[in-house]
Amino acid sequence: MTDTPISEMSFEVAMRELEQVVGKLERGDVALEDSITLYERGAELKKRCEAKLLEAEEKVAAITLDAEGQPTGTTPVDSQ
């Protein structure tokens, strides 16, 4: 696991760490207290991944198209 704060992780880093957390929990080879800590970290990692996905979806939705369906630029997300 990385020392990077979850709030600063990229989607890929957060997803990779979330996969590690899930793997450890599924194996069941950690103590109860450690399992609780891992579960809490996993919940935060999941929230970060969801936020980054939403951010990407909003950027894609903001792409404007011309009459032929070709991208012409972007529209600020705030103005939609």
PDB file of N, CA and C in Angstrom:
ATOM      1  N   MET A   1       0.838  -1.176   0.000  1.00  0.00           N
ATOM      2  CA  MET A   1       0.000   0.000   0.000  1.00  0.00           C
ATOM      3  C   MET A   1       0.884   1.239   0.000  1.00  0.00           C
ATOM      4  N   THR A   2       0.354   2.264  -0.606  1.00  0.00           N
ATOM      5  CA  THR A   2       1.133   3.484  -0.785  1.00  0.00           C
ATOM      6  C   THR A   2       0.922   4.469   0.370  1.00  0.00           C
ATOM      7  N   ASP A   3       1.879   5.383   0.524  1.00  0.00           N
ATOM      8  CA  ASP A   3       1.770   6.419   1.548  1.00  0.00           C
ATOM      9  C   ASP A   3       1.033   7.647   1.031  1.00  0.00           C
ATOM     10  N   THR A   4       0.695   7.639  -0.259  1.00  0.00           N
ATOM     11  CA  THR A   4      -0.004   8.765  -0.858  1.00  0.00           C
ATOM     12  C   THR A   4      -1.404   8.888  -0.244  1.00  0.00           C
ATOM     13  N   PRO A   5      -1.790  10.097   0.167  1.00  0.00           N
ATOM     14  CA  PRO A   5      -3.163  10.267   0.680  1.00  0.00           C
ATOM     15  C   PRO A   5      -4.178   9.874  -0.392  1.00  0.00           C
ATOM     16  N   ILE A   6      -5.241   9.230   0.013  1.00  0.00           N
ATOM     17  CA  ILE A   6      -6.253   8.764  -0.933  1.00  0.00           C
ATOM     18  C   ILE A   6      -6.785   9.912  -1.778  1.00  0.00           C
ATOM     19  N   SER A   7      -6.946  11.076  -1.177  1.00  0.00           N
ATOM     20  CA  SER A   7      -7.493  12.233  -1.898  1.00  0.00           C
ATOM     21  C   SER A   7      -6.586  12.716  -3.031  1.00  0.00           C
ATOM     22  N   GLU A   8      -5.340  12.268  -3.040  1.00  0.00           N
ATOM     23  CA  GLU A   8      -4.397  12.679  -4.086  1.00  0.00           C
ATOM     24  C   GLU A   8      -4.105  11.559  -5.077  1.00  0.00           C
ATOM     25  N   MET A   9      -4.706  10.400  -4.899  1.00  0.00           N
ATOM     26  CA  MET A   9      -4.437   9.254  -5.775  1.00  0.00           C
ATOM     27  C   MET A   9      -5.132   9.407  -7.121  1.00  0.00           C
ATOM     28  N   SER A  10      -4.457   8.920  -8.152  1.00  0.00           N
ATOM     29  CA  SER A  10      -5.104   8.822  -9.453  1.00  0.00           C
ATOM     30  C   SER A  10      -6.093   7.659  -9.393  1.00  0.00           C
ATOM     31  N   PHE A  11      -6.961   7.592 -10.382  1.00  0.00           N
ATOM     32  CA  PHE A  11      -7.922   6.489 -10.442  1.00  0.00           C
ATOM     33  C   PHE A  11      -7.191   5.153 -10.454  1.00  0.00           C
ATOM     34  N   GLU A  12      -6.152   5.054 -11.276  1.00  0.00           N
ATOM     35  CA  GLU A  12      -5.439   3.788 -11.435  1.00  0.00           C
ATOM     36  C   GLU A  12      -4.773   3.330 -10.142  1.00  0.00           C
ATOM     37  N   VAL A  13      -4.152   4.246  -9.437  1.00  0.00           N
ATOM     38  CA  VAL A  13      -3.487   3.903  -8.176  1.00  0.00           C
ATOM     39  C   VAL A  13      -4.512   3.483  -7.130  1.00  0.00           C
ATOM     40  N   ALA A  14      -5.605   4.241  -7.033  1.00  0.00           N
ATOM     41  CA  ALA A  14      -6.649   3.906  -6.064  1.00  0.00           C
ATOM     42  C   ALA A  14      -7.276   2.555  -6.381  1.00  0.00           C
ATOM     43  N   MET A  15      -7.521   2.279  -7.656  1.00  0.00           N
ATOM     44  CA  MET A  15      -8.118   1.003  -8.047  1.00  0.00           C
ATOM     45  C   MET A  15      -7.176  -0.163  -7.737  1.00  0.00           C
ATOM     46  N   ARG A  16      -5.910   0.025  -8.016  1.00  0.00           N
ATOM     47  CA  ARG A  16      -4.926  -1.026  -7.743  1.00  0.00           C
ATOM     48  C   ARG A  16      -4.885  -1.340  -6.251  1.00  0.00           C
ATOM     49  N   GLU A  17      -4.869  -0.303  -5.429  1.00  0.00           N
ATOM     50  CA  GLU A  17      -4.835  -0.522  -3.990  1.00  0.00           C
ATOM     51  C   GLU A  17      -6.144  -1.135  -3.499  1.00  0.00           C
ATOM     52  N   LEU A  18      -7.263  -0.707  -4.064  1.00  0.00           N
ATOM     53  CA  LEU A  18      -8.553  -1.291  -3.697  1.00  0.00           C
ATOM     54  C   LEU A  18      -8.564  -2.788  -4.015  1.00  0.00           C
ATOM     55  N   GLU A  19      -8.013  -3.164  -5.139  1.00  0.00           N
ATOM     56  CA  GLU A  19      -7.933  -4.589  -5.502  1.00  0.00           C
ATOM     57  C   GLU A  19      -7.093  -5.359  -4.480  1.00  0.00           C
ATOM     58  N   GLN A  20      -6.018  -4.751  -4.004  1.00  0.00           N
ATOM     59  CA  GLN A  20      -5.182  -5.400  -2.982  1.00  0.00           C
ATOM     60  C   GLN A  20      -5.958  -5.571  -1.680  1.00  0.00           C
ATOM     61  N   VAL A  21      -6.690  -4.542  -1.286  1.00  0.00           N
ATOM     62  CA  VAL A  21      -7.484  -4.595  -0.063  1.00  0.00           C
ATOM     63  C   VAL A  21      -8.530  -5.705  -0.161  1.00  0.00           C
ATOM     64  N   VAL A  22      -9.240  -5.751  -1.277  1.00  0.00           N
ATOM     65  CA  VAL A  22     -10.269  -6.771  -1.468  1.00  0.00           C
ATOM     66  C   VAL A  22      -9.645  -8.160  -1.426  1.00  0.00           C
ATOM     67  N   GLY A  23      -8.495  -8.322  -2.063  1.00  0.00           N
ATOM     68  CA  GLY A  23      -7.817  -9.613  -2.053  1.00  0.00           C
ATOM     69  C   GLY A  23      -7.475 -10.076  -0.646  1.00  0.00           C
ATOM     70  N   LYS A  24      -6.956  -9.170   0.167  1.00  0.00           N
ATOM     71  CA  LYS A  24      -6.611  -9.520   1.547  1.00  0.00           C
ATOM     72  C   LYS A  24      -7.858  -9.892   2.346  1.00  0.00           C
ATOM     73  N   LEU A  25      -8.934  -9.131   2.152  1.00  0.00           N
ATOM     74  CA  LEU A  25     -10.167  -9.423   2.884  1.00  0.00           C
ATOM     75  C   LEU A  25     -10.778 -10.757   2.433  1.00  0.00           C
ATOM     76  N   GLU A  26     -10.709 -11.036   1.146  1.00  0.00           N
ATOM     77  CA  GLU A  26     -11.264 -12.289   0.636  1.00  0.00           C
ATOM     78  C   GLU A  26     -10.499 -13.500   1.138  1.00  0.00           C
ATOM     79  N   ARG A  27      -9.189 -13.360   1.259  1.00  0.00           N
ATOM     80  CA  ARG A  27      -8.373 -14.479   1.757  1.00  0.00           C
ATOM     81  C   ARG A  27      -8.677 -14.770   3.221  1.00  0.00           C
ATOM     82  N   GLY A  28      -9.061 -13.741   3.962  1.00  0.00           N
ATOM     83  CA  GLY A  28      -9.413 -13.918   5.357  1.00  0.00           C
ATOM     84  C   GLY A  28      -8.247 -14.235   6.262  1.00  0.00           C
ATOM     85  N   ASP A  29      -7.046 -13.871   5.846  1.00  0.00           N
ATOM     86  CA  ASP A  29      -5.868 -14.189   6.645  1.00  0.00           C
ATOM     87  C   ASP A  29      -5.364 -12.997   7.459  1.00  0.00           C
ATOM     88  N   VAL A  30      -6.263 -12.056   7.769  1.00  0.00           N
ATOM     89  CA  VAL A  30      -5.893 -10.916   8.609  1.00  0.00           C
ATOM     90  C   VAL A  30      -6.748 -10.923   9.868  1.00  0.00           C
ATOM     91  N   ALA A  31      -6.198 -10.384  10.919  1.00  0.00           N
ATOM     92  CA  ALA A  31      -6.914 -10.319  12.199  1.00  0.00           C
ATOM     93  C   ALA A  31      -8.148  -9.426  12.069  1.00  0.00           C
ATOM     94  N   LEU A  32      -9.086  -9.606  12.965  1.00  0.00           N
ATOM     95  CA  LEU A  32     -10.340  -8.865  12.927  1.00  0.00           C
ATOM     96  C   LEU A  32     -10.115  -7.357  12.904  1.00  0.00           C
ATOM     97  N   GLU A  33      -9.293  -6.842  13.799  1.00  0.00           N
ATOM     98  CA  GLU A  33      -9.038  -5.398  13.835  1.00  0.00           C
ATOM     99  C   GLU A  33      -8.431  -4.917  12.523  1.00  0.00           C
ATOM    100  N   ASP A  34      -7.511  -5.701  11.976  1.00  0.00           N
ATOM    101  CA  ASP A  34      -6.901  -5.343  10.694  1.00  0.00           C
ATOM    102  C   ASP A  34      -7.938  -5.394   9.576  1.00  0.00           C
ATOM    103  N   SER A  35      -8.854  -6.345   9.660  1.00  0.00           N
ATOM    104  CA  SER A  35      -9.916  -6.443   8.660  1.00  0.00           C
ATOM    105  C   SER A  35     -10.789  -5.201   8.678  1.00  0.00           C
ATOM    106  N   ILE A  36     -11.102  -4.715   9.858  1.00  0.00           N
ATOM    107  CA  ILE A  36     -11.927  -3.513   9.980  1.00  0.00           C
ATOM    108  C   ILE A  36     -11.196  -2.312   9.373  1.00  0.00           C
ATOM    109  N   THR A  37      -9.918  -2.189   9.684  1.00  0.00           N
ATOM    110  CA  THR A  37      -9.110  -1.096   9.137  1.00  0.00           C
ATOM    111  C   THR A  37      -9.035  -1.197   7.616  1.00  0.00           C
ATOM    112  N   LEU A  38      -8.821  -2.410   7.110  1.00  0.00           N
ATOM    113  CA  LEU A  38      -8.767  -2.618   5.659  1.00  0.00           C
ATOM    114  C   LEU A  38     -10.101  -2.280   5.011  1.00  0.00           C
ATOM    115  N   TYR A  39     -11.190  -2.689   5.635  1.00  0.00           N
ATOM    116  CA  TYR A  39     -12.516  -2.413   5.092  1.00  0.00           C
ATOM    117  C   TYR A  39     -12.749  -0.903   5.004  1.00  0.00           C
ATOM    118  N   GLU A  40     -12.377  -0.182   6.053  1.00  0.00           N
ATOM    119  CA  GLU A  40     -12.545   1.271   6.058  1.00  0.00           C
ATOM    120  C   GLU A  40     -11.711   1.922   4.960  1.00  0.00           C
ATOM    121  N   ARG A  41     -10.475   1.444   4.790  1.00  0.00           N
ATOM    122  CA  ARG A  41      -9.609   1.982   3.731  1.00  0.00           C
ATOM    123  C   ARG A  41     -10.210   1.657   2.366  1.00  0.00           C
ATOM    124  N   GLY A  42     -10.715   0.448   2.228  1.00  0.00           N
ATOM    125  CA  GLY A  42     -11.349   0.056   0.973  1.00  0.00           C
ATOM    126  C   GLY A  42     -12.537   0.934   0.632  1.00  0.00           C
ATOM    127  N   ALA A  43     -13.329   1.285   1.637  1.00  0.00           N
ATOM    128  CA  ALA A  43     -14.484   2.155   1.416  1.00  0.00           C
ATOM    129  C   ALA A  43     -14.031   3.530   0.924  1.00  0.00           C
ATOM    130  N   GLU A  44     -12.958   4.050   1.496  1.00  0.00           N
ATOM    131  CA  GLU A  44     -12.430   5.351   1.064  1.00  0.00           C
ATOM    132  C   GLU A  44     -11.854   5.263  -0.351  1.00  0.00           C
ATOM    133  N   LEU A  45     -11.169   4.170  -0.650  1.00  0.00           N
ATOM    134  CA  LEU A  45     -10.619   3.979  -1.994  1.00  0.00           C
ATOM    135  C   LEU A  45     -11.741   3.875  -3.021  1.00  0.00           C
ATOM    136  N   LYS A  46     -12.805   3.172  -2.679  1.00  0.00           N
ATOM    137  CA  LYS A  46     -13.957   3.034  -3.569  1.00  0.00           C
ATOM    138  C   LYS A  46     -14.568   4.400  -3.840  1.00  0.00           C
ATOM    139  N   LYS A  47     -14.709   5.204  -2.799  1.00  0.00           N
ATOM    140  CA  LYS A  47     -15.271   6.543  -2.947  1.00  0.00           C
ATOM    141  C   LYS A  47     -14.391   7.392  -3.881  1.00  0.00           C
ATOM    142  N   ARG A  48     -13.070   7.265  -3.758  1.00  0.00           N
ATOM    143  CA  ARG A  48     -12.147   8.018  -4.615  1.00  0.00           C
ATOM    144  C   ARG A  48     -12.296   7.580  -6.064  1.00  0.00           C
ATOM    145  N   CYS A  49     -12.380   6.267  -6.289  1.00  0.00           N
ATOM    146  CA  CYS A  49     -12.541   5.756  -7.654  1.00  0.00           C
ATOM    147  C   CYS A  49     -13.841   6.256  -8.266  1.00  0.00           C
ATOM    148  N   GLU A  50     -14.918   6.225  -7.503  1.00  0.00           N
ATOM    149  CA  GLU A  50     -16.205   6.702  -8.000  1.00  0.00           C
ATOM    150  C   GLU A  50     -16.143   8.188  -8.345  1.00  0.00           C
ATOM    151  N   ALA A  51     -15.471   8.977  -7.521  1.00  0.00           N
ATOM    152  CA  ALA A  51     -15.349  10.414  -7.779  1.00  0.00           C
ATOM    153  C   ALA A  51     -14.560  10.676  -9.052  1.00  0.00           C
ATOM    154  N   LYS A  52     -13.474   9.932  -9.257  1.00  0.00           N
ATOM    155  CA  LYS A  52     -12.657  10.116 -10.452  1.00  0.00           C
ATOM    156  C   LYS A  52     -13.421   9.680 -11.699  1.00  0.00           C
ATOM    157  N   LEU A  53     -14.222   8.624 -11.605  1.00  0.00           N
ATOM    158  CA  LEU A  53     -15.035   8.199 -12.738  1.00  0.00           C
ATOM    159  C   LEU A  53     -16.088   9.249 -13.078  1.00  0.00           C
ATOM    160  N   LEU A  54     -16.730   9.806 -12.067  1.00  0.00           N
ATOM    161  CA  LEU A  54     -17.728  10.851 -12.295  1.00  0.00           C
ATOM    162  C   LEU A  54     -17.086  12.062 -12.959  1.00  0.00           C
ATOM    163  N   GLU A  55     -15.910  12.416 -12.493  1.00  0.00           N
ATOM    164  CA  GLU A  55     -15.177  13.542 -13.076  1.00  0.00           C
ATOM    165  C   GLU A  55     -14.908  13.290 -14.558  1.00  0.00           C
ATOM    166  N   ALA A  56     -14.483  12.077 -14.898  1.00  0.00           N
ATOM    167  CA  ALA A  56     -14.215  11.724 -16.295  1.00  0.00           C
ATOM    168  C   ALA A  56     -15.500  11.749 -17.119  1.00  0.00           C
ATOM    169  N   GLU A  57     -16.592  11.231 -16.566  1.00  0.00           N
ATOM    170  CA  GLU A  57     -17.879  11.239 -17.277  1.00  0.00           C
ATOM    171  C   GLU A  57     -18.323  12.667 -17.562  1.00  0.00           C
ATOM    172  N   GLU A  58     -18.142  13.557 -16.613  1.00  0.00           N
ATOM    173  CA  GLU A  58     -18.528  14.955 -16.809  1.00  0.00           C
ATOM    174  C   GLU A  58     -17.689  15.604 -17.907  1.00  0.00           C
ATOM    175  N   LYS A  59     -16.412  15.264 -17.964  1.00  0.00           N
ATOM    176  CA  LYS A  59     -15.550  15.821 -19.017  1.00  0.00           C
ATOM    177  C   LYS A  59     -15.988  15.318 -20.380  1.00  0.00           C
ATOM    178  N   VAL A  60     -16.306  14.035 -20.474  1.00  0.00           N
ATOM    179  CA  VAL A  60     -16.757  13.473 -21.744  1.00  0.00           C
ATOM    180  C   VAL A  60     -18.083  14.103 -22.153  1.00  0.00           C
ATOM    181  N   ALA A  61     -18.979  14.276 -21.211  1.00  0.00           N
ATOM    182  CA  ALA A  61     -20.288  14.873 -21.506  1.00  0.00           C
ATOM    183  C   ALA A  61     -20.155  16.317 -21.965  1.00  0.00           C
ATOM    184  N   ALA A  62     -19.082  16.979 -21.599  1.00  0.00           N
ATOM    185  CA  ALA A  62     -18.900  18.386 -21.946  1.00  0.00           C
ATOM    186  C   ALA A  62     -18.322  18.578 -23.341  1.00  0.00           C
ATOM    187  N   ILE A  63     -17.951  17.505 -24.031  1.00  0.00           N
ATOM    188  CA  ILE A  63     -17.405  17.634 -25.380  1.00  0.00           C
ATOM    189  C   ILE A  63     -18.539  18.030 -26.317  1.00  0.00           C
ATOM    190  N   THR A  64     -18.322  19.097 -27.081  1.00  0.00           N
ATOM    191  CA  THR A  64     -19.342  19.545 -28.024  1.00  0.00           C
ATOM    192  C   THR A  64     -19.054  18.984 -29.408  1.00  0.00           C
ATOM    193  N   LEU A  65     -20.110  18.715 -30.159  1.00  0.00           N
ATOM    194  CA  LEU A  65     -19.983  18.135 -31.491  1.00  0.00           C
ATOM    195  C   LEU A  65     -20.551  19.096 -32.536  1.00  0.00           C
ATOM    196  N   ASP A  66     -19.992  19.023 -33.759  1.00  0.00           N
ATOM    197  CA  ASP A  66     -20.544  19.823 -34.849  1.00  0.00           C
ATOM    198  C   ASP A  66     -21.665  19.043 -35.539  1.00  0.00           C
ATOM    199  N   ALA A  67     -22.183  19.570 -36.636  1.00  0.00           N
ATOM    200  CA  ALA A  67     -23.312  18.952 -37.331  1.00  0.00           C
ATOM    201  C   ALA A  67     -22.987  17.545 -37.835  1.00  0.00           C
ATOM    202  N   GLU A  68     -21.719  17.271 -38.118  1.00  0.00           N
ATOM    203  CA  GLU A  68     -21.312  15.943 -38.591  1.00  0.00           C
ATOM    204  C   GLU A  68     -20.950  15.010 -37.437  1.00  0.00           C
ATOM    205  N   GLY A  69     -21.105  15.484 -36.218  1.00  0.00           N
ATOM    206  CA  GLY A  69     -20.793  14.642 -35.068  1.00  0.00           C
ATOM    207  C   GLY A  69     -19.331  14.644 -34.679  1.00  0.00           C
ATOM    208  N   GLN A  70     -18.562  15.575 -35.219  1.00  0.00           N
ATOM    209  CA  GLN A  70     -17.138  15.665 -34.901  1.00  0.00           C
ATOM    210  C   GLN A  70     -16.941  16.594 -33.704  1.00  0.00           C
ATOM    211  N   PRO A  71     -16.009  16.235 -32.790  1.00  0.00           N
ATOM    212  CA  PRO A  71     -15.737  17.101 -31.641  1.00  0.00           C
ATOM    213  C   PRO A  71     -15.235  18.467 -32.103  1.00  0.00           C
ATOM    214  N   THR A  72     -15.797  19.520 -31.535  1.00  0.00           N
ATOM    215  CA  THR A  72     -15.369  20.874 -31.877  1.00  0.00           C
ATOM    216  C   THR A  72     -14.748  21.591 -30.698  1.00  0.00           C
ATOM    217  N   GLY A  73     -14.854  21.029 -29.545  1.00  0.00           N
ATOM    218  CA  GLY A  73     -14.318  21.663 -28.351  1.00  0.00           C
ATOM    219  C   GLY A  73     -15.027  21.118 -27.136  1.00  0.00           C
ATOM    220  N   THR A  74     -14.895  21.849 -26.086  1.00  0.00           N
ATOM    221  CA  THR A  74     -15.551  21.426 -24.846  1.00  0.00           C
ATOM    222  C   THR A  74     -16.381  22.568 -24.296  1.00  0.00           C
ATOM    223  N   THR A  75     -17.370  22.188 -23.560  1.00  0.00           N
ATOM    224  CA  THR A  75     -18.217  23.144 -22.860  1.00  0.00           C
ATOM    225  C   THR A  75     -17.886  23.029 -21.390  1.00  0.00           C
ATOM    226  N   PRO A  76     -17.647  24.132 -20.690  1.00  0.00           N
ATOM    227  CA  PRO A  76     -17.365  24.024 -19.260  1.00  0.00           C
ATOM    228  C   PRO A  76     -18.487  23.268 -18.548  1.00  0.00           C
ATOM    229  N   VAL A  77     -18.136  22.362 -17.696  1.00  0.00           N
ATOM    230  CA  VAL A  77     -19.107  21.536 -16.987  1.00  0.00           C
ATOM    231  C   VAL A  77     -20.047  22.410 -16.165  1.00  0.00           C
ATOM    232  N   ASP A  78     -19.554  23.497 -15.615  1.00  0.00           N
ATOM    233  CA  ASP A  78     -20.357  24.363 -14.753  1.00  0.00           C
ATOM    234  C   ASP A  78     -21.521  25.013 -15.495  1.00  0.00           C
ATOM    235  N   SER A  79     -21.403  25.187 -16.812  1.00  0.00           N
ATOM    236  CA  SER A  79     -22.447  25.897 -17.551  1.00  0.00           C
ATOM    237  C   SER A  79     -23.577  24.983 -18.012  1.00  0.00           C
ATOM    238  N   GLN A  80     -23.504  23.699 -17.740  1.00  0.00           N
ATOM    239  CA  GLN A  80     -24.539  22.780 -18.221  1.00  0.00           C
ATOM    240  C   GLN A  80     -25.668  22.657 -17.252  1.00  0.00           C
TER     241      GLN A  80
END
